[in-house]
N, C-alpha and C. Protein backbone atom coordinates (compact mmCIF):
# COMPACT_ATOMS: atom_id res chain seq x y z
N UNK A 1 -0.87 12.73 22.04
CA UNK A 1 -1.65 11.74 21.33
C UNK A 1 -1.49 10.38 21.99
N UNK A 2 -2.57 9.71 22.26
CA UNK A 2 -2.43 8.38 22.85
C UNK A 2 -1.92 7.38 21.81
N UNK A 3 -1.12 6.46 22.28
CA UNK A 3 -0.61 5.39 21.41
C UNK A 3 -1.21 4.09 21.90
N UNK A 4 -1.66 3.28 20.94
CA UNK A 4 -2.19 1.98 21.34
C UNK A 4 -1.74 0.93 20.35
N UNK A 5 -1.61 -0.29 20.82
CA UNK A 5 -1.18 -1.39 19.96
C UNK A 5 -2.41 -1.96 19.29
N UNK A 6 -2.27 -2.21 18.00
CA UNK A 6 -3.41 -2.67 17.24
C UNK A 6 -2.94 -3.38 15.98
N UNK A 7 -3.68 -4.36 15.56
CA UNK A 7 -3.38 -5.00 14.30
C UNK A 7 -3.84 -4.06 13.20
N UNK A 8 -2.94 -3.73 12.29
CA UNK A 8 -3.27 -2.80 11.23
C UNK A 8 -3.33 -3.50 9.90
N UNK A 9 -3.99 -2.89 8.95
CA UNK A 9 -4.08 -3.40 7.59
C UNK A 9 -3.48 -2.37 6.67
N UNK A 10 -2.98 -2.69 5.52
CA UNK A 10 -2.83 -4.02 5.02
C UNK A 10 -1.72 -4.78 5.74
N UNK A 11 -1.81 -6.06 5.73
CA UNK A 11 -0.77 -6.90 6.29
C UNK A 11 -1.08 -7.55 7.61
N UNK A 12 -1.94 -6.95 8.41
CA UNK A 12 -2.32 -7.54 9.67
C UNK A 12 -1.20 -7.63 10.69
N UNK A 13 -0.13 -6.85 10.50
CA UNK A 13 0.98 -6.89 11.45
C UNK A 13 0.59 -6.16 12.73
N UNK A 14 1.20 -6.55 13.84
CA UNK A 14 0.95 -5.86 15.10
C UNK A 14 1.99 -4.77 15.24
N UNK A 15 1.53 -3.53 15.25
CA UNK A 15 2.41 -2.38 15.35
C UNK A 15 1.89 -1.44 16.42
N UNK A 16 2.78 -0.60 16.93
CA UNK A 16 2.33 0.49 17.79
C UNK A 16 2.05 1.65 16.86
N UNK A 17 0.83 2.12 16.87
CA UNK A 17 0.43 3.17 15.94
C UNK A 17 -0.18 4.33 16.71
N UNK A 18 -0.06 5.51 16.13
CA UNK A 18 -0.61 6.71 16.74
C UNK A 18 -2.05 6.86 16.28
N UNK A 19 -2.92 7.33 17.15
CA UNK A 19 -4.36 7.43 16.88
C UNK A 19 -4.73 8.05 15.53
N UNK A 20 -4.13 9.19 15.09
CA UNK A 20 -4.56 9.73 13.80
C UNK A 20 -4.39 8.73 12.66
N UNK A 21 -3.40 7.86 12.74
CA UNK A 21 -3.23 6.82 11.73
C UNK A 21 -4.45 5.91 11.73
N UNK A 22 -4.90 5.54 12.91
CA UNK A 22 -6.07 4.67 12.99
C UNK A 22 -7.32 5.32 12.45
N UNK A 23 -7.45 6.62 12.65
CA UNK A 23 -8.65 7.31 12.19
C UNK A 23 -8.84 7.14 10.69
N UNK A 24 -7.81 7.36 9.89
CA UNK A 24 -7.99 7.21 8.45
C UNK A 24 -7.89 5.76 8.03
N UNK A 25 -7.10 4.99 8.72
CA UNK A 25 -6.86 3.61 8.33
C UNK A 25 -8.12 2.76 8.42
N UNK A 26 -8.95 3.03 9.39
CA UNK A 26 -10.18 2.25 9.56
C UNK A 26 -11.21 2.56 8.48
N UNK A 27 -11.00 3.62 7.70
CA UNK A 27 -11.90 3.98 6.61
C UNK A 27 -11.41 3.45 5.26
N UNK A 28 -10.29 2.77 5.25
CA UNK A 28 -9.67 2.31 4.01
C UNK A 28 -10.49 1.24 3.31
N UNK A 29 -10.47 1.29 1.99
CA UNK A 29 -11.19 0.31 1.17
C UNK A 29 -10.64 -1.10 1.35
N UNK A 30 -9.41 -1.22 1.83
CA UNK A 30 -8.77 -2.53 1.99
C UNK A 30 -9.10 -3.21 3.31
N UNK A 31 -9.81 -2.54 4.19
CA UNK A 31 -10.06 -3.09 5.53
C UNK A 31 -10.61 -4.50 5.53
N UNK A 32 -11.49 -4.80 4.60
CA UNK A 32 -12.11 -6.12 4.58
C UNK A 32 -11.51 -7.04 3.52
N UNK A 33 -10.42 -6.63 2.92
CA UNK A 33 -9.76 -7.43 1.90
C UNK A 33 -8.70 -8.31 2.54
N UNK A 34 -8.38 -9.44 1.92
CA UNK A 34 -7.33 -10.30 2.48
C UNK A 34 -5.95 -9.65 2.36
N UNK A 35 -5.16 -9.76 3.40
CA UNK A 35 -3.82 -9.17 3.42
C UNK A 35 -2.95 -9.71 2.29
N UNK A 36 -3.18 -10.94 1.87
CA UNK A 36 -2.38 -11.56 0.81
C UNK A 36 -2.50 -10.80 -0.51
N UNK A 37 -3.56 -10.03 -0.68
CA UNK A 37 -3.72 -9.25 -1.89
C UNK A 37 -2.73 -8.09 -1.91
N UNK A 38 -2.38 -7.57 -0.76
CA UNK A 38 -1.49 -6.41 -0.65
C UNK A 38 -0.05 -6.81 -0.36
N UNK A 39 0.16 -8.00 0.16
CA UNK A 39 1.49 -8.53 0.46
C UNK A 39 1.62 -9.89 -0.19
N UNK A 40 2.51 -10.00 -1.15
CA UNK A 40 2.65 -11.25 -1.89
C UNK A 40 3.35 -12.34 -1.11
N UNK A 41 3.08 -13.58 -1.47
CA UNK A 41 3.73 -14.72 -0.82
C UNK A 41 5.16 -14.90 -1.32
N UNK A 42 5.98 -15.57 -0.54
CA UNK A 42 7.33 -15.93 -0.96
C UNK A 42 7.23 -16.78 -2.21
N UNK A 43 8.14 -16.60 -3.13
CA UNK A 43 8.18 -17.42 -4.32
C UNK A 43 7.17 -17.04 -5.39
N UNK A 44 6.50 -15.93 -5.23
CA UNK A 44 5.52 -15.47 -6.21
C UNK A 44 6.24 -15.11 -7.52
N UNK A 45 5.70 -15.57 -8.64
CA UNK A 45 6.32 -15.25 -9.93
C UNK A 45 6.06 -13.78 -10.27
N UNK A 46 6.85 -13.26 -11.19
CA UNK A 46 6.66 -11.86 -11.58
C UNK A 46 5.27 -11.63 -12.16
N UNK A 47 4.80 -12.55 -12.99
CA UNK A 47 3.46 -12.42 -13.57
C UNK A 47 2.39 -12.41 -12.48
N UNK A 48 2.51 -13.31 -11.52
CA UNK A 48 1.54 -13.35 -10.40
C UNK A 48 1.60 -12.06 -9.58
N UNK A 49 2.82 -11.57 -9.34
CA UNK A 49 2.98 -10.34 -8.56
C UNK A 49 2.34 -9.15 -9.28
N UNK A 50 2.61 -9.02 -10.58
CA UNK A 50 2.05 -7.90 -11.34
C UNK A 50 0.52 -7.95 -11.35
N UNK A 51 -0.04 -9.14 -11.51
CA UNK A 51 -1.50 -9.28 -11.52
C UNK A 51 -2.09 -8.96 -10.15
N UNK A 52 -1.43 -9.46 -9.07
CA UNK A 52 -1.91 -9.20 -7.72
C UNK A 52 -1.82 -7.71 -7.41
N UNK A 53 -0.70 -7.08 -7.75
CA UNK A 53 -0.53 -5.65 -7.49
C UNK A 53 -1.57 -4.83 -8.25
N UNK A 54 -1.88 -5.23 -9.48
CA UNK A 54 -2.89 -4.50 -10.25
C UNK A 54 -4.26 -4.59 -9.58
N UNK A 55 -4.60 -5.76 -9.03
CA UNK A 55 -5.88 -5.90 -8.31
C UNK A 55 -5.88 -5.04 -7.05
N UNK A 56 -4.76 -5.02 -6.33
CA UNK A 56 -4.67 -4.21 -5.11
C UNK A 56 -4.76 -2.72 -5.43
N UNK A 57 -4.06 -2.29 -6.47
CA UNK A 57 -4.08 -0.88 -6.86
C UNK A 57 -5.50 -0.47 -7.29
N UNK A 58 -6.23 -1.38 -7.92
CA UNK A 58 -7.62 -1.07 -8.31
C UNK A 58 -8.47 -0.80 -7.08
N UNK A 59 -8.23 -1.51 -6.00
CA UNK A 59 -8.96 -1.24 -4.75
C UNK A 59 -8.54 0.12 -4.21
N UNK A 60 -7.25 0.41 -4.25
CA UNK A 60 -6.75 1.71 -3.79
C UNK A 60 -7.35 2.86 -4.61
N UNK A 61 -7.57 2.63 -5.89
CA UNK A 61 -8.11 3.68 -6.75
C UNK A 61 -9.49 4.15 -6.31
N UNK A 62 -10.23 3.30 -5.62
CA UNK A 62 -11.57 3.69 -5.16
C UNK A 62 -11.60 4.00 -3.66
N UNK A 63 -10.44 4.09 -3.06
CA UNK A 63 -10.34 4.27 -1.61
C UNK A 63 -10.48 5.74 -1.21
N UNK A 64 -11.31 6.03 -0.21
CA UNK A 64 -11.49 7.41 0.23
C UNK A 64 -10.30 7.98 1.00
N UNK A 65 -9.39 7.14 1.44
CA UNK A 65 -8.23 7.62 2.22
C UNK A 65 -6.91 7.29 1.51
N UNK A 66 -6.96 7.23 0.21
CA UNK A 66 -5.77 6.89 -0.57
C UNK A 66 -4.61 7.86 -0.32
N UNK A 67 -4.88 9.15 -0.31
CA UNK A 67 -3.82 10.14 -0.15
C UNK A 67 -3.09 10.02 1.18
N UNK A 68 -3.80 9.97 2.33
CA UNK A 68 -3.05 9.82 3.58
C UNK A 68 -2.33 8.47 3.67
N UNK A 69 -2.87 7.45 3.06
CA UNK A 69 -2.21 6.14 3.05
C UNK A 69 -0.91 6.21 2.25
N UNK A 70 -0.97 6.84 1.10
CA UNK A 70 0.22 6.98 0.26
C UNK A 70 1.28 7.82 0.97
N UNK A 71 0.86 8.91 1.60
CA UNK A 71 1.80 9.76 2.33
C UNK A 71 2.45 8.99 3.49
N UNK A 72 1.65 8.19 4.17
CA UNK A 72 2.16 7.36 5.26
C UNK A 72 3.23 6.40 4.74
N UNK A 73 2.94 5.74 3.62
CA UNK A 73 3.86 4.75 3.07
C UNK A 73 5.19 5.38 2.66
N UNK A 74 5.14 6.59 2.16
CA UNK A 74 6.37 7.26 1.75
C UNK A 74 7.14 7.84 2.93
N UNK A 75 6.42 8.33 3.92
CA UNK A 75 7.07 8.96 5.07
C UNK A 75 7.67 7.93 6.02
N UNK A 76 6.98 6.82 6.23
CA UNK A 76 7.38 5.85 7.25
C UNK A 76 8.76 5.30 7.05
N UNK A 77 9.34 4.85 6.05
CA UNK A 77 8.72 4.36 4.82
C UNK A 77 8.32 2.89 4.96
N UNK A 78 7.25 2.55 4.28
CA UNK A 78 6.78 1.16 4.25
C UNK A 78 7.53 0.43 3.13
N UNK A 79 8.37 -0.55 3.47
CA UNK A 79 9.15 -1.23 2.42
C UNK A 79 8.37 -2.32 1.69
N UNK A 80 7.28 -2.81 2.26
CA UNK A 80 6.58 -3.94 1.67
C UNK A 80 5.12 -3.62 1.40
N UNK A 81 4.57 -4.30 0.40
CA UNK A 81 3.14 -4.23 0.14
C UNK A 81 2.70 -3.07 -0.73
N UNK A 82 1.40 -3.08 -1.00
CA UNK A 82 0.75 -2.01 -1.75
C UNK A 82 0.08 -1.09 -0.75
N UNK A 83 0.42 0.18 -0.80
CA UNK A 83 -0.12 1.20 0.12
C UNK A 83 -0.53 2.42 -0.71
N UNK A 84 -1.74 2.87 -0.57
CA UNK A 84 -2.19 4.09 -1.25
C UNK A 84 -2.02 4.05 -2.76
N UNK A 85 -2.15 2.88 -3.33
CA UNK A 85 -2.01 2.74 -4.77
C UNK A 85 -0.57 2.69 -5.25
N UNK A 86 0.37 2.54 -4.32
CA UNK A 86 1.78 2.46 -4.69
C UNK A 86 2.31 1.07 -4.36
N UNK A 87 3.22 0.62 -5.19
CA UNK A 87 3.85 -0.68 -4.98
C UNK A 87 5.21 -0.48 -4.32
N UNK A 88 5.80 -1.58 -3.88
CA UNK A 88 7.13 -1.51 -3.26
C UNK A 88 8.12 -0.84 -4.21
N UNK A 89 8.10 -1.24 -5.48
CA UNK A 89 9.07 -0.70 -6.43
C UNK A 89 8.77 0.76 -6.78
N UNK A 90 7.51 1.15 -6.86
CA UNK A 90 7.22 2.56 -7.18
C UNK A 90 7.61 3.48 -6.03
N UNK A 91 7.43 3.01 -4.78
CA UNK A 91 7.85 3.82 -3.63
C UNK A 91 9.37 3.91 -3.56
N UNK A 92 10.03 2.81 -3.83
CA UNK A 92 11.49 2.79 -3.81
C UNK A 92 12.05 3.75 -4.86
N UNK A 93 11.48 3.73 -6.05
CA UNK A 93 11.93 4.63 -7.12
C UNK A 93 11.66 6.08 -6.74
N UNK A 94 10.51 6.36 -6.12
CA UNK A 94 10.19 7.73 -5.70
C UNK A 94 11.18 8.21 -4.64
N UNK A 95 11.54 7.34 -3.70
CA UNK A 95 12.51 7.72 -2.67
C UNK A 95 13.88 8.00 -3.28
N UNK A 96 14.28 7.17 -4.24
CA UNK A 96 15.58 7.37 -4.89
C UNK A 96 15.62 8.68 -5.66
N UNK A 97 14.51 9.03 -6.30
CA UNK A 97 14.47 10.25 -7.12
C UNK A 97 14.13 11.49 -6.31
N UNK A 98 13.68 11.30 -5.06
CA UNK A 98 13.29 12.43 -4.24
C UNK A 98 11.91 12.97 -4.56
N UNK A 99 11.12 12.22 -5.33
CA UNK A 99 9.76 12.65 -5.71
C UNK A 99 8.83 12.59 -4.51
N UNK A 100 7.86 13.48 -4.48
CA UNK A 100 6.86 13.49 -3.41
C UNK A 100 5.86 12.36 -3.56
N UNK A 101 5.55 11.99 -4.80
CA UNK A 101 4.63 10.88 -5.05
C UNK A 101 5.21 9.97 -6.12
N UNK A 102 4.97 8.68 -6.02
CA UNK A 102 5.48 7.74 -7.02
C UNK A 102 4.83 7.97 -8.38
N UNK A 103 5.54 7.61 -9.41
CA UNK A 103 5.03 7.72 -10.77
C UNK A 103 3.91 6.72 -11.00
N UNK A 104 2.87 7.16 -11.67
CA UNK A 104 1.77 6.25 -12.03
C UNK A 104 2.09 5.47 -13.29
N UNK A 105 3.15 5.86 -14.00
CA UNK A 105 3.48 5.21 -15.26
C UNK A 105 3.65 3.71 -15.09
N UNK A 106 4.44 3.27 -14.11
CA UNK A 106 4.66 1.84 -13.89
C UNK A 106 3.37 1.14 -13.50
N UNK A 107 2.56 1.79 -12.65
CA UNK A 107 1.32 1.17 -12.22
C UNK A 107 0.37 0.99 -13.39
N UNK A 108 0.34 1.96 -14.30
CA UNK A 108 -0.51 1.84 -15.47
C UNK A 108 -0.05 0.68 -16.33
N UNK A 109 1.25 0.52 -16.49
CA UNK A 109 1.79 -0.60 -17.26
C UNK A 109 1.43 -1.92 -16.60
N UNK A 110 1.48 -1.97 -15.28
CA UNK A 110 1.12 -3.19 -14.56
C UNK A 110 -0.34 -3.53 -14.80
N UNK A 111 -1.21 -2.53 -14.72
CA UNK A 111 -2.65 -2.78 -14.89
C UNK A 111 -2.94 -3.29 -16.28
N UNK A 112 -2.22 -2.81 -17.28
CA UNK A 112 -2.46 -3.23 -18.66
C UNK A 112 -1.92 -4.62 -18.93
N UNK A 113 -0.91 -5.04 -18.17
CA UNK A 113 -0.29 -6.35 -18.42
C UNK A 113 -1.09 -7.51 -17.87
N UNK A 114 -2.05 -7.24 -16.99
CA UNK A 114 -2.80 -8.36 -16.41
C UNK A 114 -4.12 -8.58 -17.09
C-alpha cells in the first residue's frame, strides 16, 4: 500500500496515512466542517465542551463512513477529538472496559444536556 503525507480531518493535523484510510476519510460528513467543532480549544468549560461534542456527534450520526471512522479511532487509538460519533471520554472508557464500541449512553446524555 502506498503511504502519502496528507492533512487529515478532523483536526487538520499532518500525518502519514495509509491510502485505505484516505479512501473512507474523504467521504466523511466532517470534511467541510471546522476542525474546532471536533477538537475543543484550551480552557473550554465543561458546558461548552458538552454542547460542542453534541453538535459534532450529530454530524457523525449522518456520516456514511461513521463505522470505519469509529474503528480507526479505537484501533489507533485517537486520544483527542470526536471520531465516528465517539468522544475522548467514551473511547477511553471503552478501552478500559475492553468493549469493541463505546457506550452510546454518555453521548445520549450529552445530546440531551445541550
